Protein backbone atom coordinates (compact mmCIF):
# COMPACT_ATOMS: atom_id res chain seq x y z
CA MET A 1 -0.72 -45.92 -27.41
CA SER A 2 2.67 -45.22 -25.92
CA TYR A 3 3.38 -45.06 -22.22
CA SER A 4 4.15 -41.31 -22.32
CA LYS A 5 0.77 -40.55 -23.86
CA ARG A 6 -1.18 -42.68 -21.40
CA TYR A 7 0.32 -41.14 -18.27
CA PRO A 8 1.25 -37.47 -17.71
CA GLU A 9 4.82 -36.52 -16.93
CA TYR A 10 5.22 -35.34 -13.36
CA ALA A 11 8.01 -33.16 -12.04
CA GLU A 12 10.83 -34.86 -10.22
CA ARG A 13 10.43 -35.05 -6.47
CA PHE A 14 13.15 -34.23 -3.97
CA ALA A 15 13.33 -34.85 -0.24
CA LEU A 16 13.58 -31.76 1.92
CA PRO A 17 16.85 -31.53 3.84
CA GLN A 18 16.91 -31.47 7.63
CA ARG A 19 18.94 -28.26 7.68
CA SER A 20 17.11 -25.26 9.13
CA VAL A 21 18.03 -21.82 7.81
CA LEU A 22 17.22 -18.36 9.21
CA SER A 23 16.11 -15.78 6.67
CA VAL A 24 16.78 -12.12 7.44
CA GLU A 25 14.89 -9.57 5.36
CA TYR A 26 17.51 -6.87 5.76
CA PRO A 27 16.27 -3.34 5.01
CA GLY A 28 19.19 -2.35 2.83
CA TYR A 29 21.71 -3.50 0.23
CA VAL A 30 24.24 -5.78 1.92
CA GLU A 31 27.81 -5.70 0.63
CA ASP A 32 29.51 -6.95 3.80
CA ALA A 33 27.68 -9.75 5.60
CA GLU A 34 29.78 -9.37 8.77
CA LYS A 35 28.81 -5.72 9.15
CA ALA A 36 25.18 -6.62 8.61
CA ILE A 37 25.41 -9.24 11.38
CA LYS A 38 27.09 -6.70 13.69
CA SER A 39 24.24 -4.27 13.06
CA LEU A 40 21.89 -6.96 14.43
CA GLY A 41 23.90 -7.24 17.64
CA GLY A 42 26.40 -9.89 16.61
CA ARG A 43 26.22 -13.61 16.05
CA GLU A 44 25.71 -14.50 19.71
CA LYS A 45 22.77 -12.15 20.20
CA LEU A 46 21.23 -13.16 16.89
CA SER A 47 21.50 -16.87 17.71
CA ARG A 48 20.06 -16.21 21.16
CA ASP A 49 17.08 -14.38 19.67
CA VAL A 50 16.53 -17.11 17.10
CA SER A 51 16.64 -19.87 19.72
CA GLN A 52 13.66 -18.27 21.43
CA ASP A 53 10.13 -18.84 20.27
CA VAL A 54 8.64 -16.78 17.47
CA GLY A 55 7.75 -13.23 18.37
CA ALA A 56 11.18 -12.26 19.72
CA GLN A 57 12.06 -8.60 19.25
CA LEU A 58 15.12 -7.66 17.20
CA GLU A 59 17.03 -4.39 17.02
CA LEU A 60 18.91 -3.23 13.94
CA ARG A 61 21.40 -0.37 14.31
CA TYR A 62 23.03 0.92 11.16
CA ARG A 63 25.62 2.73 13.32
CA TYR A 64 26.31 -0.14 15.70
CA ASP A 65 29.39 1.61 17.15
CA ASP A 66 27.32 4.65 18.16
CA PRO A 67 25.47 4.07 21.45
CA THR A 68 23.14 7.02 20.73
CA SER A 69 21.88 5.37 17.55
CA HIS A 70 18.17 4.53 17.59
CA PRO A 71 17.41 0.97 16.48
CA ILE A 72 14.83 -0.22 13.98
CA LYS A 73 12.54 -2.72 15.67
CA GLY A 74 11.87 -6.08 14.06
CA GLU A 75 10.48 -9.46 14.99
CA ILE A 76 10.92 -13.13 14.16
CA VAL A 77 7.88 -14.63 12.46
CA PRO A 78 7.18 -18.28 11.54
CA THR A 79 7.47 -19.14 7.85
CA HIS A 80 7.25 -22.25 5.67
CA ASN A 81 9.74 -21.54 2.89
CA VAL A 82 12.68 -23.31 1.30
CA LEU A 83 16.08 -21.94 0.28
CA ILE A 84 16.97 -22.92 -3.28
CA LYS A 85 20.47 -22.62 -4.74
CA VAL A 86 20.38 -21.97 -8.49
CA THR A 87 23.56 -22.65 -10.50
CA ARG A 88 23.87 -21.29 -14.03
CA ARG A 89 26.53 -22.68 -16.38
CA ILE A 90 28.05 -20.04 -18.67
CA ARG A 91 30.40 -20.66 -21.57
CA ARG A 92 32.97 -17.91 -22.25
CA PRO A 93 35.76 -17.72 -24.79
CA LYS A 94 39.23 -18.61 -23.63
CA GLY A 95 41.04 -15.70 -22.06
CA ALA A 96 37.86 -13.70 -21.45
CA PRO A 97 37.47 -12.08 -18.00
CA LYS A 98 35.12 -13.72 -15.52
CA ASP A 99 32.74 -10.77 -15.41
CA SER A 100 32.28 -10.70 -19.17
CA PRO A 101 28.93 -11.90 -20.54
CA GLY A 102 28.83 -15.36 -21.96
CA GLU A 103 26.47 -17.96 -23.32
CA THR A 104 24.25 -19.77 -20.83
CA VAL A 105 24.42 -23.47 -21.56
CA GLY A 106 22.43 -24.82 -18.62
CA SER A 107 21.19 -24.33 -15.08
CA SER A 108 20.40 -26.46 -12.04
CA ALA A 109 18.53 -25.94 -8.77
CA LYS A 110 19.09 -27.53 -5.39
CA ILE A 111 17.18 -27.17 -2.11
CA VAL A 112 19.70 -26.11 0.52
CA GLY A 113 17.49 -25.88 3.62
CA VAL A 114 14.10 -25.13 5.12
CA ILE A 115 13.31 -21.60 6.34
CA GLU A 116 11.19 -22.02 9.47
CA LYS A 117 11.84 -18.53 10.89
CA THR A 118 12.26 -15.17 9.20
CA ALA A 119 13.49 -11.92 10.70
CA ARG A 120 11.48 -9.01 9.32
CA PHE A 121 11.83 -5.28 9.79
CA ARG A 122 8.55 -3.71 8.73
CA LYS A 123 8.46 -0.84 11.21
CA LEU A 124 9.54 2.75 10.66
CA ALA A 125 12.82 4.16 11.90
CA ASP A 126 12.64 6.65 14.73
CA PHE A 127 13.72 10.28 14.35
CA GLN A 128 17.42 10.74 15.21
CA TYR A 129 20.51 12.71 14.37
CA ILE A 130 24.25 12.11 14.63
CA LEU A 131 26.24 13.81 17.36
CA PRO A 132 29.62 15.29 16.38
CA LYS A 133 32.70 13.14 16.83
CA GLY A 134 34.46 13.73 20.12
CA ASP A 135 31.30 14.83 21.90
CA PRO A 136 31.63 13.93 25.61
CA LEU A 137 28.08 12.61 25.71
CA VAL A 138 28.94 9.96 23.12
CA ASP A 139 31.97 8.88 25.15
CA LEU A 140 29.86 8.79 28.31
CA ALA A 141 27.23 6.67 26.59
CA LYS A 142 29.92 4.18 25.51
CA VAL A 143 31.26 4.00 29.07
CA ILE A 144 27.78 3.30 30.43
CA GLN A 145 27.09 0.73 27.72
CA ASN A 146 30.36 -1.13 28.40
CA ILE A 147 29.98 -0.79 32.21
CA ASP A 148 33.54 0.52 32.52
CA ILE A 149 33.87 1.62 36.16
CA ASP A 150 37.34 3.17 35.78
CA GLU A 151 36.35 5.33 32.84
CA ALA A 152 33.16 6.35 34.65
CA LYS A 153 35.21 7.56 37.62
CA LYS A 154 37.38 9.62 35.28
CA PHE A 155 34.30 11.30 33.85
CA ILE A 156 33.00 12.10 37.31
CA SER A 157 36.33 13.55 38.48
CA SER A 158 36.84 15.63 35.33
CA ASN A 159 34.97 18.80 34.47
CA VAL A 160 34.24 17.78 30.89
CA LEU A 161 30.51 17.37 31.46
CA ASP A 162 30.24 20.66 33.34
CA SER A 163 31.98 22.57 30.59
CA THR A 164 29.82 20.88 27.98
CA ALA A 165 26.62 21.69 29.85
CA ASN A 166 27.57 25.37 30.05
CA ALA A 167 28.58 25.58 26.40
CA GLN A 168 26.19 27.30 24.04
CA ASN A 169 26.71 24.81 21.22
CA ALA A 170 26.12 21.71 23.37
CA TYR A 171 24.16 18.89 21.73
CA ILE A 172 21.47 16.80 23.37
CA PRO A 173 20.99 13.21 22.16
CA ALA A 174 17.80 12.73 20.16
CA PRO A 175 14.96 11.41 22.35
CA PHE A 176 12.91 8.33 21.49
CA LEU A 177 9.76 9.73 19.91
CA ASP A 178 8.14 6.59 18.52
CA SER A 179 7.36 3.52 20.60
CA SER A 180 5.25 1.45 18.19
CA GLY A 181 6.94 1.88 14.82
CA TRP A 182 3.65 1.89 12.92
CA PRO A 183 1.89 4.91 11.40
CA SER A 184 -1.39 5.64 13.12
CA ARG A 185 -4.07 8.31 13.22
CA PHE A 186 -3.47 11.16 15.60
CA SER A 187 -6.09 13.77 16.45
CA LEU A 188 -4.08 16.84 17.35
CA ASP A 189 -5.55 19.46 19.66
CA MET A 190 -3.25 22.36 20.32
CA PHE A 191 -4.52 22.88 23.85
CA ALA A 192 -7.20 21.64 26.21
CA LYS A 193 -10.31 23.78 26.21
CA PRO A 194 -11.00 25.36 29.61
CA SER A 195 -14.21 24.63 31.49
CA ASP A 196 -16.46 27.30 33.06
CA GLN A 197 -18.00 24.85 35.51
CA PRO A 198 -17.46 25.63 39.21
CA GLY A 199 -14.80 23.62 40.94
CA ASN A 200 -17.13 22.27 43.62
CA VAL A 201 -19.39 20.53 41.09
CA ALA A 202 -18.37 17.07 39.94
CA SER A 203 -18.65 16.53 36.21
CA ASP A 204 -18.02 13.72 33.78
CA SER A 205 -16.86 16.21 31.16
CA ARG A 206 -13.33 16.17 32.50
CA LYS A 207 -12.48 13.48 29.98
CA ASN A 208 -13.13 16.03 27.22
CA LEU A 209 -10.21 18.12 28.44
CA THR A 210 -7.68 15.53 27.29
CA ALA A 211 -5.84 16.86 24.30
CA ASN A 212 -5.44 13.50 22.53
CA SER A 213 -7.84 10.81 23.72
CA ASN A 214 -8.40 7.31 22.40
CA ILE A 215 -11.42 7.95 20.20
CA PHE A 216 -13.90 5.08 19.88
CA HIS A 217 -16.64 5.38 17.27
CA GLY A 218 -18.22 1.99 17.92
CA THR A 219 -21.79 1.20 18.90
CA PHE A 220 -22.63 0.12 22.45
CA ILE A 221 -25.97 -1.26 23.63
CA ARG A 222 -27.22 -2.70 26.88
CA TYR A 223 -28.79 -6.11 27.30
CA SER A 224 -32.18 -4.59 28.14
CA GLU A 225 -32.48 -2.80 24.79
CA LYS A 226 -34.95 -4.55 22.50
CA ASN A 227 -33.44 -3.74 19.12
CA VAL A 228 -29.89 -4.31 17.94
CA PRO A 229 -28.01 -1.99 15.55
CA THR A 230 -27.93 -3.05 11.92
CA GLU A 231 -25.27 -0.74 10.50
CA PRO A 232 -22.26 1.26 11.67
CA THR A 233 -22.17 4.97 12.28
CA ALA A 234 -20.83 7.39 9.72
CA GLU A 235 -18.00 8.32 12.10
CA ALA A 236 -16.89 4.68 12.33
CA ILE A 237 -16.78 4.32 8.54
CA GLU A 238 -14.83 7.56 8.20
CA TYR A 239 -12.40 6.54 10.94
CA ALA A 240 -11.65 3.18 9.28
CA LYS A 241 -11.10 4.44 5.73
CA ASP A 242 -7.31 4.14 6.03
CA VAL A 243 -7.30 0.50 7.17
CA PRO A 244 -5.82 -1.80 4.47
CA GLU A 245 -8.26 -4.01 2.64
CA ASP A 246 -6.49 -7.26 3.59
CA ILE A 247 -7.03 -6.50 7.30
CA MET A 248 -10.69 -5.65 6.66
CA ALA A 249 -11.16 -8.86 4.66
CA LYS A 250 -9.66 -11.04 7.39
CA ALA A 251 -11.78 -9.41 10.10
CA ARG A 252 -14.87 -9.73 7.92
CA ALA A 253 -14.22 -13.44 7.39
CA ILE A 254 -13.87 -14.00 11.14
CA ILE A 255 -17.10 -12.19 12.05
CA GLU A 256 -19.00 -13.93 9.22
CA LYS A 257 -17.93 -17.35 10.50
CA ASP A 258 -18.76 -16.60 14.14
CA PRO A 259 -21.27 -13.76 14.64
CA VAL A 260 -20.02 -13.23 18.20
CA VAL A 261 -16.26 -12.98 18.83
CA SER A 262 -14.64 -11.90 22.06
CA ARG A 263 -12.43 -8.84 21.88
CA ASN A 264 -9.49 -10.82 23.24
CA ALA A 265 -9.89 -13.52 20.57
CA MET A 266 -10.00 -10.89 17.84
CA ASP A 267 -6.79 -9.30 19.14
CA VAL A 268 -5.08 -12.71 19.05
CA MET A 269 -6.36 -13.76 15.61
CA ILE A 270 -5.30 -10.41 14.14
CA PRO A 271 -2.12 -9.56 16.09
CA ALA A 272 -0.54 -6.14 16.27
CA GLU A 273 2.14 -6.91 13.68
CA GLU A 274 -0.59 -7.67 11.13
CA ARG A 275 -2.76 -4.68 12.01
CA GLY A 276 0.00 -2.26 11.06
CA GLY A 277 -0.49 0.06 14.01
CA PHE A 278 -4.30 0.17 13.80
CA ARG A 279 -6.31 -0.71 16.86
CA THR A 280 -8.85 -3.49 16.57
CA HIS A 281 -11.82 -1.25 17.30
CA THR A 282 -10.84 0.97 14.34
CA PHE A 283 -12.05 -1.57 11.77
CA MET A 284 -14.31 -3.78 13.91
CA SER A 285 -16.61 -0.82 14.62
CA THR A 286 -17.68 -0.99 10.96
CA MET A 287 -18.75 -4.65 11.23
CA ALA A 288 -20.02 -5.26 14.76
CA TYR A 289 -21.38 -3.69 17.91
CA VAL A 290 -20.58 -4.33 21.56
CA MET A 291 -22.98 -5.31 24.35
CA GLU A 292 -22.00 -3.64 27.62
CA ASN A 293 -23.51 -6.21 29.99
CA GLY A 294 -25.10 -9.61 29.94
CA PRO A 295 -23.77 -13.01 28.88
CA TRP A 296 -22.24 -11.62 25.66
CA ARG A 297 -20.52 -8.62 27.21
CA SER A 298 -17.23 -7.32 25.80
CA CYS A 299 -17.75 -9.22 22.55
CA TRP A 300 -17.92 -8.07 18.96
CA ILE A 301 -21.44 -8.94 17.72
CA ARG A 302 -22.16 -8.77 14.00
CA PHE A 303 -24.55 -6.01 12.97
CA GLY A 304 -28.11 -7.29 12.70
CA TYR A 305 -27.46 -10.44 14.74
CA ASP A 306 -29.30 -10.72 18.05
CA PRO A 307 -27.91 -13.52 20.25
CA ARG A 308 -30.99 -13.23 22.48
CA LYS A 309 -33.09 -14.72 19.68
CA ASP A 310 -30.79 -17.61 18.76
CA LYS A 311 -30.51 -20.52 21.20
CA ASP A 312 -27.31 -21.72 19.55
CA SER A 313 -25.64 -18.49 20.65
CA CYS A 314 -25.16 -20.05 24.09
CA LYS A 315 -21.77 -21.27 22.87
CA TYR A 316 -20.71 -17.66 22.36
CA GLN A 317 -21.42 -16.67 25.97
CA VAL A 318 -18.46 -15.41 27.97
CA PHE A 319 -16.87 -17.46 30.72
CA ASP A 320 -14.97 -15.38 33.25
CA TYR A 321 -12.29 -17.59 34.76
CA ARG A 322 -9.99 -16.01 37.31
CA ARG A 323 -7.18 -17.43 39.40
CA ASN A 324 -7.11 -17.10 43.15
CA VAL A 325 -4.19 -14.84 44.04
CA THR A 326 -2.21 -16.38 46.88
CA GLY A 327 1.23 -15.86 48.33
CA ASN A 328 3.34 -12.74 48.04
CA THR A 329 1.23 -10.61 45.71
CA SER A 330 3.57 -7.62 45.72
CA ARG A 331 6.50 -9.81 44.67
CA LYS A 332 4.51 -11.28 41.78
CA LEU A 333 3.54 -7.82 40.58
CA ARG A 334 7.14 -6.71 40.76
CA LEU A 335 8.28 -9.74 38.77
CA ALA A 336 5.56 -9.11 36.22
CA ARG A 337 6.84 -5.59 35.64
CA GLN A 338 10.37 -6.95 35.24
CA GLY A 339 9.26 -9.63 32.81
CA GLY A 340 10.17 -12.56 35.04
CA VAL A 341 6.75 -13.77 36.03
CA ALA A 342 6.72 -16.42 33.31
CA GLN A 343 9.91 -18.05 34.58
CA THR A 344 8.71 -17.90 38.18
CA ALA A 345 5.36 -19.44 37.32
CA ALA A 346 7.01 -22.18 35.29
CA ALA A 347 9.37 -23.03 38.14
CA SER A 348 6.83 -22.96 40.99
CA GLU A 349 3.49 -24.00 39.53
CA ASN A 350 4.39 -26.16 36.55
CA ALA A 351 7.09 -28.39 37.96
CA GLY A 352 7.32 -31.65 36.08
CA SER A 353 5.47 -30.38 33.00
CA THR A 354 7.15 -31.22 29.71
CA ALA A 355 4.72 -29.35 27.49
CA ASN A 356 5.74 -26.28 25.57
CA PRO A 357 4.94 -22.98 27.32
CA LEU A 358 1.85 -21.25 26.00
CA GLN A 359 1.97 -17.94 24.24
CA ALA A 360 0.64 -14.88 26.02
CA GLY A 361 -2.79 -13.71 24.94
CA VAL A 362 -4.37 -17.07 24.11
CA TYR A 363 -8.13 -17.36 23.72
CA ILE A 364 -8.43 -21.17 23.97
CA LEU A 365 -8.90 -22.66 27.44
CA ASP A 366 -7.98 -26.34 27.53
CA GLN A 367 -6.34 -28.56 30.12
CA GLU A 368 -2.86 -27.44 29.11
CA ALA A 369 -3.87 -23.80 29.51
CA ILE A 370 -5.30 -24.59 32.94
CA ARG A 371 -2.05 -26.33 33.84
CA GLN A 372 -0.06 -23.27 32.77
CA GLY A 373 -2.25 -21.03 34.93
CA ILE A 374 -3.87 -19.11 32.06
CA ALA A 375 -6.86 -17.06 33.23
CA GLY A 376 -9.13 -14.45 31.70
CA ILE A 377 -12.41 -14.06 29.83
CA PHE A 378 -13.16 -16.82 27.31
CA GLN A 379 -16.12 -17.89 25.23
CA LEU A 380 -17.76 -21.21 26.04
CA HIS A 381 -17.01 -22.74 22.64
CA HIS A 382 -13.34 -21.84 23.21
CA VAL A 383 -13.29 -23.88 26.43
CA LYS A 384 -11.96 -27.12 24.94
CA LEU A 385 -12.95 -29.50 27.72
CA PRO A 386 -15.07 -32.62 27.04
CA THR A 387 -17.26 -31.89 30.05
CA VAL A 388 -18.08 -28.38 28.84
CA THR A 389 -18.83 -29.59 25.32
CA GLU A 390 -21.12 -32.24 26.78
CA LEU A 391 -22.99 -29.67 28.85
CA LEU A 392 -23.42 -27.31 25.91
CA ASN A 393 -25.06 -30.13 23.94
CA TYR A 394 -27.22 -31.24 26.90
CA PRO A 395 -30.88 -30.55 25.91
CA GLU A 396 -32.06 -29.94 29.48
CA ALA A 397 -29.47 -27.18 29.94
CA ARG A 398 -31.25 -24.73 27.61
CA ARG A 399 -33.67 -22.11 28.87
CA LYS A 400 -36.87 -21.13 27.09
CA ILE A 401 -35.86 -17.48 27.07
CA PRO A 402 -32.44 -15.98 27.78
CA SER A 403 -31.66 -14.15 30.98
CA GLU A 404 -29.23 -11.35 31.63
CA LYS A 405 -27.39 -13.38 34.24
CA SER A 406 -26.97 -16.79 32.59
CA GLY A 407 -28.00 -16.34 28.96
CA TRP A 408 -29.54 -19.40 27.29
CA LEU A 409 -28.17 -21.77 29.95
CA TYR A 410 -29.57 -22.42 33.38
CA LEU A 411 -27.47 -21.03 36.19
CA PRO A 412 -26.64 -24.49 37.67
CA VAL A 413 -25.08 -25.44 34.33
CA LEU A 414 -22.72 -22.47 34.42
CA LYS A 415 -21.84 -23.26 38.02
CA THR A 416 -21.06 -26.84 37.01
CA ILE A 417 -18.75 -25.61 34.25
CA ARG A 418 -16.96 -23.31 36.65
CA SER A 419 -16.56 -26.02 39.30
CA THR A 420 -15.24 -28.43 36.66
CA VAL A 421 -12.51 -26.00 35.62
CA HIS A 422 -11.54 -25.38 39.24
CA ASP A 423 -11.45 -29.13 39.93
CA ILE A 424 -9.07 -29.65 37.00
CA LYS A 425 -6.87 -26.82 38.26
CA LYS A 426 -6.70 -28.36 41.75
CA ALA A 427 -5.98 -31.78 40.25
CA PHE A 428 -2.99 -30.40 38.35
CA GLU A 429 -1.74 -28.74 41.52
CA ASN A 430 -1.91 -32.04 43.39
CA GLU A 431 -0.51 -34.18 40.56
CA PRO A 432 1.59 -31.97 38.25
CA SER A 433 3.01 -34.97 36.40
CA ARG A 434 -0.40 -35.97 35.00
CA GLN A 435 -1.12 -34.94 31.42
CA SER A 436 -4.92 -34.83 31.62
CA PHE A 437 -7.87 -35.50 33.91
CA ASP A 438 -11.32 -36.91 33.16
CA MET A 439 -14.14 -35.24 35.06
CA SER A 440 -17.64 -36.70 35.35
CA ILE A 441 -20.96 -34.89 35.87
CA ASP A 442 -23.59 -35.84 38.41
CA TYR A 443 -26.62 -35.42 36.16
CA ASP A 444 -29.11 -36.45 38.86
CA THR A 445 -28.10 -33.56 41.09
CA LEU A 446 -27.83 -31.22 38.11
CA ASP A 447 -31.33 -32.11 36.87
CA LYS A 448 -32.81 -31.35 40.29
CA GLN A 449 -31.12 -27.95 40.33
CA ILE A 450 -32.26 -27.26 36.78
CA GLU A 451 -35.84 -28.19 37.70
CA VAL A 452 -35.89 -25.54 40.43
CA ASP A 453 -34.74 -22.89 37.96
CA ARG A 454 -37.20 -24.14 35.35
CA ARG A 455 -40.13 -23.68 37.76
CA GLN A 456 -39.02 -20.15 38.48
CA GLU A 457 -38.71 -19.49 34.76
CA ASN A 458 -42.22 -20.84 34.10
CA ALA A 459 -43.63 -18.67 36.89
CA VAL A 460 -41.98 -15.61 35.41
CA LEU A 461 -43.29 -16.46 31.94
CA ALA A 462 -46.82 -16.95 33.27
CA THR A 463 -46.70 -13.63 35.10
CA GLU A 464 -45.43 -11.83 32.03
CA GLU A 465 -48.17 -13.43 29.92
CA ARG A 466 -50.89 -12.26 32.31
CA LEU A 467 -49.47 -8.78 32.42
CA ARG A 468 -49.36 -8.68 28.65
CA GLU A 469 -52.97 -9.80 28.38
CA ARG A 470 -54.04 -7.28 31.00
CA GLU A 471 -52.27 -4.49 29.14
CA GLU A 472 -53.94 -5.66 25.96
CA GLY A 473 -57.35 -5.52 27.64
CA VAL A 474 -56.72 -2.04 29.00
CA LEU A 475 -55.54 -0.72 25.64
CA LEU A 476 -58.48 -2.24 23.75
CA GLY A 477 -61.06 -1.33 26.41
CA GLN A 478 -62.07 -4.96 26.87
CA ALA A 479 -60.44 -8.14 28.00
CA SER A 480 -59.21 -10.73 25.57
CA GLN A 481 -61.06 -14.01 25.18
CA VAL A 482 -58.21 -15.84 26.92
CA VAL A 483 -58.65 -13.71 30.04
CA ARG A 484 -62.44 -14.17 29.94
CA ASP A 485 -62.12 -17.94 29.71
CA ARG A 486 -59.59 -18.04 32.54
CA ILE A 487 -61.76 -15.95 34.88
CA ASP A 488 -64.90 -17.89 33.95
CA ALA A 489 -63.06 -21.10 34.80
CA GLN A 490 -61.99 -19.63 38.13
CA VAL A 491 -65.59 -18.58 38.88
CA ASN A 492 -66.91 -22.03 38.04
CA GLU A 493 -64.31 -23.62 40.27
CA PHE A 494 -65.21 -21.25 43.10
CA MET A 495 -68.94 -21.97 42.69
CA SER A 496 -68.26 -25.69 42.66
CA GLN A 497 -66.37 -25.46 45.92
CA LEU A 498 -69.35 -23.68 47.54
CA GLY A 499 -71.66 -26.42 46.36
CA THR A 500 -73.94 -24.03 44.50
CA GLN A 501 -73.64 -25.41 41.01
CA THR A 502 -76.15 -28.25 41.58
CA GLN A 503 -78.65 -26.08 43.52
CA ARG A 504 -78.50 -23.05 41.31
CA GLY A 505 -82.12 -23.31 40.15
CA ALA A 506 -83.57 -23.63 43.65
CA ILE A 507 -81.56 -20.73 45.01
CA ASP A 508 -82.57 -18.52 42.13
CA ALA A 509 -86.21 -19.45 42.56
CA ASP A 510 -86.36 -18.79 46.30
CA ALA A 511 -84.17 -15.72 46.40
CA LEU A 512 -85.42 -13.96 43.31
CA ASP A 513 -89.11 -14.82 43.72
CA GLY A 514 -89.38 -16.81 40.54
CA GLU A 515 -87.19 -14.47 38.49
CA ARG A 516 -84.31 -16.41 36.92
CA PHE A 517 -81.24 -15.52 34.95
CA ASP A 518 -79.90 -17.49 32.04
CA SER A 519 -76.52 -18.05 33.74
CA ASP A 520 -74.78 -17.27 36.96
CA GLU A 521 -71.68 -15.94 35.21
CA GLY A 522 -73.55 -12.74 34.43
CA GLU A 523 -73.41 -11.77 38.07
CA PHE A 524 -69.62 -12.22 38.05
CA ASP A 525 -68.89 -10.58 34.72
CA ILE A 526 -66.35 -8.04 35.96
CA PHE A 527 -65.78 -6.71 32.45
CA ASP A 528 -69.33 -5.35 32.08
CA ASP A 529 -69.42 -1.71 33.16
CA GLU A 530 -73.11 -2.05 34.08
CA SER A 531 -72.74 -5.22 36.16
CA ASP A 532 -72.91 -3.29 39.44
CA GLY A 533 -76.40 -2.07 38.62
CA MET A 534 -77.95 -5.39 37.59
CA ASP A 535 -81.61 -6.09 38.45
CA SER A 536 -81.76 -8.21 41.64
CA ASP A 537 -83.53 -8.13 45.04
CA ALA A 538 -81.85 -7.23 48.26
CA ASP A 539 -83.40 -10.36 49.73
CA GLY A 540 -81.93 -12.44 46.98
CA ALA A 541 -78.48 -11.01 47.57
CA GLY A 542 -78.82 -11.63 51.28
CA GLU A 543 -79.99 -15.18 50.68
CA PHE A 544 -76.98 -15.80 48.51
């Protein structure tokens, strides 16, 4: 057997080059690369946008010299592609032109670079029109765009704008009509319906007067409701019929893996650029319901799944972690509106940190997120701290039945988790150069606190059991055997304390003049309707 037959022939391997290349999916046929780059804002702006992290917004203007031109919005997304240069060798007859067809005698391929980022323009262009050449508004827009003070003074001193405003054929630049760039459903109502209700009566129906409201066809339940929904409403299915199947499949895979997913986590796992203009509740309403209150509030819960019946659902409980607002609050709000809160936070709170800044809208809370000052509503299994994981697996931390306040975990356990997160936050504030902190748990103190809650839980369970048995006895017209045995035991204990159990025969003989009963419990049978009229002497009752 030859060597070639014993072993298969593998393709030749090549090392990837270190060169990084930007790929631009340009929406058009490019004949002049320089003009295409100018339409993206120029080389400097394009390089500045590329140097930022993924998610940067791009603007493409086909008429880049026209300041009234509306741009097409795009974004930079991460990719894992390679750029391959293919060379084809063609043999032509001597004297033949270069563009004439010839015989292909061979070809070769070479990897030029790695495409780590790609600029994509998937959004729709906004409505616009071109103003006539020489229109004063176009010249004014150029002056404002170039910040030319001298030309601006000339416009103010001249009467060009006044004459244009009074002209009958004056043009107004096209307004920006679309802000998202994605097609979406729009329920058009021509006008708001008037209400006949008197003005001095408050009503919740005012929300119905909105011409175009954000319609939500999902299913809400409260924690106190016994049954959970098993299927979506017909309105939800109808409302989601236009959602692409790939989005539905991805959402279905997420909710099948984890039956309870926070709404914030779902928005992050399926970002807006993938949803294509659809809101998350449009397609999630066909797969899950929402619990308004309780430990699983504001989460998408798969239809038919009841977290109140599954102890393992404690990891899906929400953890509301908020930062304490200190300092100049109004200044922080102003910076947030201007987009500079990230730089201010990085300069003031994260001094000395060499880690990469976190993306906005994360749903994982770890030590790096705590260092960066991330706050919000998380799920417990998304809190990636060793202490929290240890507490979730602690057997003594689980309740027998869930509660609306703390779910399947005892309240001291949740308080310990919260205090641990706050301790890590304070530790980073005191030592910003540290990369991580190890926090320990005082299980002796925690067990004592859990024992107090466990006693209260057992008392509540015992009370509920007695009420249930009493209701059962009332409905059936007689007490259950469990209640009879319990009351008989209480009667025997009471008789024993009085010291009458050992002298029962003598008392019966003296008091009842020789007449005896088979047992003393008959006198205390409170479930017999005729027990009040039993045959006994007045002297015997007095003797007793």
